[in-house]
Amino acid sequence: MAFDKTAMVEQLSGLTVLELVELVDALKETWGVEAAAAMPAGMMMAAAGAGAPAAAEEEQTEFTVSIKSAGDKKLQVIKEVRAITSLGLKEAKDLVEGGGVVKESVSKDEAEEVRTKLEAAGAVIEVK
């Protein structure tokens, strides 16, 4: 008996959802298997490699320094922000009061230097 794939697809296409569920259950019982979600080959390879060590992760090279809070010494923090960014008084004040990014895409060393200066002035800083 030759297998006619087109006829099988047409026949399955005519089934209701309930009939398909019953068919799947009958096949599981007959063959003693559990259905697995179909995955594209690329995903299967990625899943197989997921247990490998994460040694290939890239080290972050660019950081963003943000002010979360000015703390008790707002005037000192504003002065420090002006020195670091060369912003005007009003812009530095707005940045300190509203919080926000002080420096973007800087090296790790520069981010640490900015963080140290601003924390010494009394600000609460976040480096990402």
C-alpha atoms as a PDB file:
ATOM      1  CA  MET A   1       0.000   0.000   0.000  1.00  0.00           C
ATOM      2  CA  ALA A   2       1.521   3.289  -1.094  1.00  0.00           C
ATOM      3  CA  PHE A   3       1.331   6.278   1.207  1.00  0.00           C
ATOM      4  CA  ASP A   4      -0.495   9.269  -0.288  1.00  0.00           C
ATOM      5  CA  LYS A   5       0.676  12.302   1.683  1.00  0.00           C
ATOM      6  CA  THR A   6      -1.625  14.727  -0.142  1.00  0.00           C
ATOM      7  CA  ALA A   7      -4.696  12.632   0.626  1.00  0.00           C
ATOM      8  CA  MET A   8      -3.649  12.385   4.291  1.00  0.00           C
ATOM      9  CA  VAL A   9      -3.185  16.165   4.553  1.00  0.00           C
ATOM     10  CA  GLU A  10      -6.582  16.775   2.977  1.00  0.00           C
ATOM     11  CA  GLN A  11      -8.225  14.286   5.331  1.00  0.00           C
ATOM     12  CA  LEU A  12      -6.577  15.834   8.420  1.00  0.00           C
ATOM     13  CA  SER A  13      -7.512  19.329   7.256  1.00  0.00           C
ATOM     14  CA  GLY A  14     -11.170  18.357   7.369  1.00  0.00           C
ATOM     15  CA  LEU A  15     -11.064  17.310  11.044  1.00  0.00           C
ATOM     16  CA  THR A  16     -12.387  19.436  13.874  1.00  0.00           C
ATOM     17  CA  VAL A  17     -10.129  20.452  16.759  1.00  0.00           C
ATOM     18  CA  LEU A  18     -11.791  17.887  19.007  1.00  0.00           C
ATOM     19  CA  GLU A  19     -11.198  15.152  16.433  1.00  0.00           C
ATOM     20  CA  LEU A  20      -7.540  16.177  16.123  1.00  0.00           C
ATOM     21  CA  VAL A  21      -7.085  16.025  19.905  1.00  0.00           C
ATOM     22  CA  GLU A  22      -8.612  12.545  19.957  1.00  0.00           C
ATOM     23  CA  LEU A  23      -6.304  11.480  17.111  1.00  0.00           C
ATOM     24  CA  VAL A  24      -3.225  12.776  18.927  1.00  0.00           C
ATOM     25  CA  ASP A  25      -4.261  10.982  22.124  1.00  0.00           C
ATOM     26  CA  ALA A  26      -4.833   7.736  20.224  1.00  0.00           C
ATOM     27  CA  LEU A  27      -1.388   8.003  18.566  1.00  0.00           C
ATOM     28  CA  LYS A  28       0.279   8.651  21.923  1.00  0.00           C
ATOM     29  CA  GLU A  29      -1.412   5.606  23.395  1.00  0.00           C
ATOM     30  CA  THR A  30      -0.697   3.370  20.410  1.00  0.00           C
ATOM     31  CA  TRP A  31       2.966   4.323  20.078  1.00  0.00           C
ATOM     32  CA  GLY A  32       3.628   5.014  23.768  1.00  0.00           C
ATOM     33  CA  VAL A  33       5.149   8.452  23.104  1.00  0.00           C
ATOM     34  CA  GLU A  34       4.590  11.992  24.266  1.00  0.00           C
ATOM     35  CA  ALA A  35       4.340  14.772  21.668  1.00  0.00           C
ATOM     36  CA  ALA A  36       7.136  17.354  21.791  1.00  0.00           C
ATOM     37  CA  ALA A  37       6.927  20.907  20.502  1.00  0.00           C
ATOM     38  CA  ALA A  38       8.428  21.214  17.045  1.00  0.00           C
ATOM     39  CA  MET A  39      11.534  23.386  16.891  1.00  0.00           C
ATOM     40  CA  PRO A  40      13.383  24.759  13.892  1.00  0.00           C
ATOM     41  CA  ALA A  41      16.840  23.241  13.480  1.00  0.00           C
ATOM     42  CA  GLY A  42      18.582  26.447  14.583  1.00  0.00           C
ATOM     43  CA  MET A  43      16.686  26.501  17.844  1.00  0.00           C
ATOM     44  CA  MET A  44      17.453  22.829  18.456  1.00  0.00           C
ATOM     45  CA  MET A  45      21.157  23.516  18.047  1.00  0.00           C
ATOM     46  CA  ALA A  46      20.946  26.527  20.351  1.00  0.00           C
ATOM     47  CA  ALA A  47      19.091  24.470  22.953  1.00  0.00           C
ATOM     48  CA  ALA A  48      21.729  21.749  22.724  1.00  0.00           C
ATOM     49  CA  GLY A  49      24.495  24.287  23.260  1.00  0.00           C
ATOM     50  CA  ALA A  50      22.686  26.054  26.111  1.00  0.00           C
ATOM     51  CA  GLY A  51      24.412  23.878  28.686  1.00  0.00           C
ATOM     52  CA  ALA A  52      27.855  24.943  27.497  1.00  0.00           C
ATOM     53  CA  PRO A  53      29.842  27.349  29.674  1.00  0.00           C
ATOM     54  CA  ALA A  54      29.184  31.019  29.042  1.00  0.00           C
ATOM     55  CA  ALA A  55      32.849  31.729  28.440  1.00  0.00           C
ATOM     56  CA  ALA A  56      32.058  33.347  25.115  1.00  0.00           C
ATOM     57  CA  GLU A  57      30.141  36.208  26.737  1.00  0.00           C
ATOM     58  CA  GLU A  58      31.528  39.570  25.787  1.00  0.00           C
ATOM     59  CA  GLU A  59      32.762  41.899  28.475  1.00  0.00           C
ATOM     60  CA  GLN A  60      30.922  45.208  28.645  1.00  0.00           C
ATOM     61  CA  THR A  61      33.101  48.038  27.336  1.00  0.00           C
ATOM     62  CA  GLU A  62      30.738  51.010  27.390  1.00  0.00           C
ATOM     63  CA  PHE A  63      28.976  52.281  30.499  1.00  0.00           C
ATOM     64  CA  THR A  64      26.333  54.871  31.333  1.00  0.00           C
ATOM     65  CA  VAL A  65      26.486  56.893  34.552  1.00  0.00           C
ATOM     66  CA  SER A  66      23.153  58.163  35.886  1.00  0.00           C
ATOM     67  CA  ILE A  67      22.082  60.189  38.914  1.00  0.00           C
ATOM     68  CA  LYS A  68      19.375  58.516  40.960  1.00  0.00           C
ATOM     69  CA  SER A  69      19.254  61.108  43.741  1.00  0.00           C
ATOM     70  CA  ALA A  70      21.133  64.306  44.625  1.00  0.00           C
ATOM     71  CA  GLY A  71      21.290  63.454  48.317  1.00  0.00           C
ATOM     72  CA  ASP A  72      21.673  66.120  51.009  1.00  0.00           C
ATOM     73  CA  LYS A  73      24.382  68.171  49.252  1.00  0.00           C
ATOM     74  CA  LYS A  74      22.541  69.149  46.083  1.00  0.00           C
ATOM     75  CA  LEU A  75      24.683  72.245  45.501  1.00  0.00           C
ATOM     76  CA  GLN A  76      27.904  70.183  45.646  1.00  0.00           C
ATOM     77  CA  VAL A  77      26.457  67.637  43.235  1.00  0.00           C
ATOM     78  CA  ILE A  78      25.415  70.391  40.800  1.00  0.00           C
ATOM     79  CA  LYS A  79      28.943  71.820  40.885  1.00  0.00           C
ATOM     80  CA  GLU A  80      30.438  68.398  40.234  1.00  0.00           C
ATOM     81  CA  VAL A  81      28.018  67.720  37.349  1.00  0.00           C
ATOM     82  CA  ARG A  82      28.960  71.065  35.790  1.00  0.00           C
ATOM     83  CA  ALA A  83      32.661  70.199  36.051  1.00  0.00           C
ATOM     84  CA  ILE A  84      32.160  66.739  34.559  1.00  0.00           C
ATOM     85  CA  THR A  85      29.763  67.657  31.739  1.00  0.00           C
ATOM     86  CA  SER A  86      30.394  71.376  31.066  1.00  0.00           C
ATOM     87  CA  LEU A  87      26.639  71.991  31.301  1.00  0.00           C
ATOM     88  CA  GLY A  88      25.307  75.383  32.246  1.00  0.00           C
ATOM     89  CA  LEU A  89      24.001  76.029  35.750  1.00  0.00           C
ATOM     90  CA  LYS A  90      20.335  75.587  34.849  1.00  0.00           C
ATOM     91  CA  GLU A  91      20.916  72.404  32.831  1.00  0.00           C
ATOM     92  CA  ALA A  92      23.072  70.870  35.570  1.00  0.00           C
ATOM     93  CA  LYS A  93      20.477  71.802  38.210  1.00  0.00           C
ATOM     94  CA  ASP A  94      17.679  70.229  36.138  1.00  0.00           C
ATOM     95  CA  LEU A  95      19.736  67.070  35.625  1.00  0.00           C
ATOM     96  CA  VAL A  96      20.519  66.738  39.319  1.00  0.00           C
ATOM     97  CA  GLU A  97      16.961  67.452  40.463  1.00  0.00           C
ATOM     98  CA  GLY A  98      15.277  65.237  37.883  1.00  0.00           C
ATOM     99  CA  GLY A  99      17.862  62.494  37.763  1.00  0.00           C
ATOM    100  CA  GLY A 100      19.192  61.231  34.494  1.00  0.00           C
ATOM    101  CA  VAL A 101      22.235  60.354  32.463  1.00  0.00           C
ATOM    102  CA  VAL A 102      25.417  62.250  33.280  1.00  0.00           C
ATOM    103  CA  LYS A 103      27.754  60.385  30.890  1.00  0.00           C
ATOM    104  CA  GLU A 104      26.994  57.837  28.167  1.00  0.00           C
ATOM    105  CA  SER A 105      29.170  55.325  26.341  1.00  0.00           C
ATOM    106  CA  VAL A 106      32.228  55.850  28.524  1.00  0.00           C
ATOM    107  CA  SER A 107      34.962  53.423  29.462  1.00  0.00           C
ATOM    108  CA  LYS A 108      34.876  51.494  32.715  1.00  0.00           C
ATOM    109  CA  ASP A 109      37.641  53.666  34.195  1.00  0.00           C
ATOM    110  CA  GLU A 110      35.908  56.922  33.282  1.00  0.00           C
ATOM    111  CA  ALA A 111      32.580  55.635  34.619  1.00  0.00           C
ATOM    112  CA  GLU A 112      34.213  54.735  37.939  1.00  0.00           C
ATOM    113  CA  GLU A 113      35.920  58.132  38.116  1.00  0.00           C
ATOM    114  CA  VAL A 114      32.627  59.985  37.507  1.00  0.00           C
ATOM    115  CA  ARG A 115      30.826  57.740  40.007  1.00  0.00           C
ATOM    116  CA  THR A 116      33.477  58.365  42.662  1.00  0.00           C
ATOM    117  CA  LYS A 117      33.358  62.145  42.193  1.00  0.00           C
ATOM    118  CA  LEU A 118      29.566  62.341  42.299  1.00  0.00           C
ATOM    119  CA  GLU A 119      29.237  60.004  45.276  1.00  0.00           C
ATOM    120  CA  ALA A 120      31.861  62.046  47.135  1.00  0.00           C
ATOM    121  CA  ALA A 121      29.678  65.104  46.484  1.00  0.00           C
ATOM    122  CA  GLY A 122      26.711  63.234  48.008  1.00  0.00           C
ATOM    123  CA  ALA A 123      24.790  61.858  45.011  1.00  0.00           C
ATOM    124  CA  VAL A 124      23.361  58.388  44.601  1.00  0.00           C
ATOM    125  CA  ILE A 125      24.716  57.023  41.313  1.00  0.00           C
ATOM    126  CA  GLU A 126      23.937  54.101  39.037  1.00  0.00           C
ATOM    127  CA  VAL A 127      26.420  52.716  36.523  1.00  0.00           C
ATOM    128  CA  LYS A 128      25.093  50.425  33.784  1.00  0.00           C
END
